[in-house]
Amino acid sequence: MGLNSIFQYFVPKDKKFFPLFEQAGANLIEMAKLLQETVYSTDAAKRLELNKQIEDLEHKGDNITHQIHLELGKNFITPFDREDIHALASSLDDVADFIHGAANRMELYKVHTPSQPMKEITDLIVEATEHVAKALNELKDLKNIRNITDSCVRINSVENKADYIFDKAVAELFEYEKDAITLIKNKEVLSAMEDATDKCEDVANVLESILVKNA
């Protein structure tokens, strides 16, 4: 038996990590689109239901993260560094947490009329999660490095746009909003939304690290 055959013998045949990462990516897109629907909806009851769906998907994301950690404990050989698998799972979980956090803050703080910047950043969250999912779907064979790199570049671009919108929106809040409580509420929601795009950039950074190590 050749060395390569011996190596293949120990590699998990079911390759469970990749389907789990793909599930996590798809889950993020669904969460982001529900947040987008929440921000654009004027129906209070509908928004409450959408928030509940986002919460359920956040729990689903937690379960996926838990499954990835279980697989790390069960498998001696992994597709790439164990530390990178852990970092990727954690960064994906962070994205889900902040999407849920944004929806939760809107509900808790009774932000019933989301601002235009909130809508714009939410649109960017959807775009960022789509690029994240696309990169994760390419991860299983690492042959399409250019596609993964392109997704990472696009995620970084989206995050930069979200930063600009956030900074401009907060500056305008301080300049024009006279009610301090309303200002704080809006800033907190905007911050959670912008943090979600930051966490997508963290995913891109982990993916780029994986590419460098496996080039």
Protein backbone atom coordinates (compact mmCIF):
# COMPACT_ATOMS: atom_id res chain seq x y z
CA MET A 1 0.00 0.00 0.00
CA GLY A 2 1.47 3.36 -1.10
CA LEU A 3 1.83 6.35 1.21
CA ASN A 4 -1.01 8.15 -0.56
CA SER A 5 -3.27 5.14 -0.09
CA ILE A 6 -2.43 5.00 3.59
CA PHE A 7 -3.20 8.72 3.92
CA GLN A 8 -6.53 8.31 2.11
CA TYR A 9 -7.41 5.46 4.47
CA PHE A 10 -7.38 7.86 7.41
CA VAL A 11 -9.18 10.73 5.70
CA PRO A 12 -12.89 10.75 6.66
CA LYS A 13 -14.77 9.19 3.75
CA ASP A 14 -17.98 11.12 4.35
CA LYS A 15 -16.22 14.51 4.37
CA LYS A 16 -18.75 15.87 6.83
CA PHE A 17 -17.05 19.21 7.33
CA PHE A 18 -17.83 20.56 3.87
CA PRO A 19 -21.58 19.85 3.93
CA LEU A 20 -21.74 21.44 7.39
CA PHE A 21 -19.97 24.58 6.19
CA GLU A 22 -22.29 24.72 3.19
CA GLN A 23 -25.30 24.39 5.50
CA ALA A 24 -23.94 27.23 7.63
CA GLY A 25 -23.55 29.43 4.54
CA ALA A 26 -27.08 28.71 3.32
CA ASN A 27 -28.41 29.41 6.82
CA LEU A 28 -26.73 32.83 6.85
CA ILE A 29 -28.30 33.79 3.54
CA GLU A 30 -31.72 32.82 4.84
CA MET A 31 -31.20 34.83 8.02
CA ALA A 32 -29.98 37.87 6.08
CA LYS A 33 -32.97 37.78 3.72
CA LEU A 34 -35.36 37.54 6.67
CA LEU A 35 -33.66 40.55 8.26
CA GLN A 36 -34.00 42.38 4.94
CA GLU A 37 -37.69 41.51 4.83
CA THR A 38 -38.07 42.72 8.41
CA VAL A 39 -36.45 46.07 7.66
CA TYR A 40 -38.63 46.67 4.61
CA SER A 41 -41.89 45.51 6.24
CA THR A 42 -44.40 47.97 7.74
CA ASP A 43 -46.53 45.23 9.28
CA ALA A 44 -45.72 44.94 13.02
CA ALA A 45 -47.16 41.43 13.35
CA LYS A 46 -45.25 40.25 10.29
CA ARG A 47 -42.02 41.69 11.62
CA LEU A 48 -42.52 39.90 14.93
CA GLU A 49 -42.97 36.60 13.08
CA LEU A 50 -39.89 37.25 10.94
CA ASN A 51 -37.87 37.97 14.08
CA LYS A 52 -38.96 34.62 15.51
CA GLN A 53 -37.83 32.88 12.31
CA ILE A 54 -34.44 34.61 12.53
CA GLU A 55 -34.09 33.44 16.12
CA ASP A 56 -34.91 29.86 15.10
CA LEU A 57 -32.27 30.00 12.35
CA GLU A 58 -29.71 31.39 14.80
CA HIS A 59 -30.32 28.30 16.95
CA LYS A 60 -29.94 26.16 13.82
CA GLY A 61 -26.59 27.86 13.19
CA ASP A 62 -25.52 27.08 16.75
CA ASN A 63 -26.33 23.41 16.13
CA ILE A 64 -24.27 23.38 12.93
CA THR A 65 -21.32 24.93 14.80
CA HIS A 66 -21.71 22.29 17.50
CA GLN A 67 -21.69 19.53 14.87
CA ILE A 68 -18.48 20.91 13.36
CA HIS A 69 -16.83 20.87 16.77
CA LEU A 70 -18.02 17.30 17.34
CA GLU A 71 -16.49 16.26 14.02
CA LEU A 72 -13.22 17.89 15.03
CA GLY A 73 -13.18 15.71 18.13
CA LYS A 74 -14.01 12.52 16.21
CA ASN A 75 -11.64 12.83 13.24
CA PHE A 76 -7.88 12.37 13.50
CA ILE A 77 -7.20 13.83 10.05
CA THR A 78 -9.08 16.92 8.84
CA PRO A 79 -9.30 18.53 5.37
CA PHE A 80 -7.23 21.49 6.59
CA ASP A 81 -5.80 22.79 9.87
CA ARG A 82 -7.95 22.10 12.90
CA GLU A 83 -7.38 25.67 14.09
CA ASP A 84 -8.70 27.01 10.77
CA ILE A 85 -11.77 24.77 10.92
CA HIS A 86 -12.47 26.05 14.42
CA ALA A 87 -11.87 29.68 13.38
CA LEU A 88 -14.11 29.32 10.31
CA ALA A 89 -16.93 27.75 12.33
CA SER A 90 -16.65 30.46 15.00
CA SER A 91 -16.61 33.32 12.49
CA LEU A 92 -19.70 31.94 10.71
CA ASP A 93 -21.44 31.64 14.07
CA ASP A 94 -20.56 35.29 14.81
CA VAL A 95 -22.24 36.43 11.59
CA ALA A 96 -25.44 34.62 12.61
CA ASP A 97 -25.24 36.13 16.10
CA PHE A 98 -25.05 39.70 14.81
CA ILE A 99 -27.81 39.24 12.22
CA HIS A 100 -29.99 37.94 15.03
CA GLY A 101 -28.76 40.75 17.27
CA ALA A 102 -29.77 43.40 14.74
CA ALA A 103 -33.26 41.96 14.40
CA ASN A 104 -33.55 41.59 18.16
CA ARG A 105 -32.50 45.19 18.84
CA MET A 106 -35.06 46.49 16.35
CA GLU A 107 -37.76 44.60 18.20
CA LEU A 108 -36.57 45.38 21.75
CA TYR A 109 -36.01 49.08 21.05
CA LYS A 110 -39.24 49.34 19.06
CA VAL A 111 -37.57 50.76 15.96
CA HIS A 112 -40.72 50.55 13.86
CA THR A 113 -39.54 52.81 11.05
CA PRO A 114 -36.10 51.63 9.95
CA SER A 115 -34.02 54.35 8.33
CA GLN A 116 -32.70 54.30 4.77
CA PRO A 117 -29.14 53.53 5.99
CA MET A 118 -30.52 50.51 7.88
CA LYS A 119 -32.11 49.26 4.67
CA GLU A 120 -28.91 49.85 2.72
CA ILE A 121 -26.71 48.02 5.23
CA THR A 122 -29.20 45.14 5.37
CA ASP A 123 -29.00 44.85 1.58
CA LEU A 124 -25.22 44.65 1.96
CA ILE A 125 -25.53 41.93 4.62
CA VAL A 126 -27.50 39.84 2.11
CA GLU A 127 -24.83 40.44 -0.53
CA ALA A 128 -22.00 39.58 1.88
CA THR A 129 -23.62 36.34 3.05
CA GLU A 130 -24.17 35.28 -0.56
CA HIS A 131 -20.44 35.72 -1.25
CA VAL A 132 -19.63 33.85 1.97
CA ALA A 133 -21.82 30.92 0.92
CA LYS A 134 -20.34 30.91 -2.58
CA ALA A 135 -16.81 30.70 -1.17
CA LEU A 136 -17.79 27.91 1.25
CA ASN A 137 -19.29 25.92 -1.61
CA GLU A 138 -15.94 26.10 -3.45
CA LEU A 139 -13.98 25.01 -0.38
CA LYS A 140 -14.39 21.26 -0.81
CA ASP A 141 -11.77 20.76 -3.50
CA LEU A 142 -9.65 23.93 -3.23
CA LYS A 143 -9.11 23.80 -6.99
CA ASN A 144 -11.12 26.92 -7.69
CA ILE A 145 -8.91 29.20 -5.63
CA ARG A 146 -9.63 32.15 -7.92
CA ASN A 147 -13.37 31.86 -7.19
CA ILE A 148 -12.81 31.80 -3.43
CA THR A 149 -10.40 34.74 -3.65
CA ASP A 150 -12.90 36.68 -5.75
CA SER A 151 -15.62 36.09 -3.14
CA CYS A 152 -13.28 37.27 -0.37
CA VAL A 153 -12.46 40.45 -2.29
CA ARG A 154 -16.16 41.13 -2.80
CA ILE A 155 -16.88 40.55 0.90
CA ASN A 156 -14.19 43.10 1.79
CA SER A 157 -15.69 45.57 -0.67
CA VAL A 158 -19.15 45.12 0.81
CA GLU A 159 -17.78 45.64 4.32
CA ASN A 160 -16.13 48.90 3.23
CA LYS A 161 -19.43 50.14 1.80
CA ALA A 162 -21.22 49.24 5.03
CA ASP A 163 -18.57 51.11 7.06
CA TYR A 164 -19.11 54.23 4.96
CA ILE A 165 -22.90 54.08 5.25
CA PHE A 166 -22.67 53.46 9.01
CA ASP A 167 -20.26 56.35 9.65
CA LYS A 168 -22.33 58.75 7.54
CA ALA A 169 -25.59 57.64 9.18
CA VAL A 170 -24.21 58.06 12.72
CA ALA A 171 -22.81 61.49 11.86
CA GLU A 172 -26.23 62.56 10.58
CA LEU A 173 -27.92 61.19 13.69
CA PHE A 174 -25.70 63.34 15.89
CA GLU A 175 -26.28 66.36 13.66
CA TYR A 176 -30.04 66.16 13.10
CA GLU A 177 -31.64 63.85 15.71
CA LYS A 178 -32.73 65.93 18.70
CA ASP A 179 -34.15 63.09 20.80
CA ALA A 180 -31.31 61.36 22.64
CA ILE A 181 -33.18 58.07 23.17
CA THR A 182 -34.10 57.79 19.49
CA LEU A 183 -30.49 58.55 18.57
CA ILE A 184 -29.17 55.78 20.84
CA LYS A 185 -31.74 53.25 19.59
CA ASN A 186 -30.93 53.90 15.95
CA LYS A 187 -27.18 53.89 16.56
CA GLU A 188 -27.39 50.53 18.37
CA VAL A 189 -29.34 48.91 15.52
CA LEU A 190 -27.00 50.34 12.89
CA SER A 191 -24.01 49.15 14.90
CA ALA A 192 -25.28 45.55 15.07
CA MET A 193 -25.96 45.58 11.33
CA GLU A 194 -22.52 46.96 10.51
CA ASP A 195 -20.93 44.43 12.87
CA ALA A 196 -22.58 41.64 10.85
CA THR A 197 -20.67 42.80 7.76
CA ASP A 198 -17.48 43.01 9.85
CA LYS A 199 -17.98 39.37 10.85
CA CYS A 200 -18.42 38.42 7.18
CA GLU A 201 -15.02 40.01 6.58
CA ASP A 202 -13.63 37.86 9.43
CA VAL A 203 -14.91 34.80 7.53
CA ALA A 204 -13.11 36.04 4.41
CA ASN A 205 -9.89 36.48 6.42
CA VAL A 206 -10.06 32.87 7.65
CA LEU A 207 -10.75 31.62 4.13
CA GLU A 208 -7.74 33.55 2.81
CA SER A 209 -5.58 32.01 5.55
CA ILE A 210 -6.75 28.54 4.50
CA LEU A 211 -5.90 29.30 0.86
CA VAL A 212 -2.40 30.47 1.74
CA LYS A 213 -1.68 27.34 3.81
CA ASN A 214 -3.06 24.97 1.18
CA ALA A 215 -1.75 26.66 -1.97
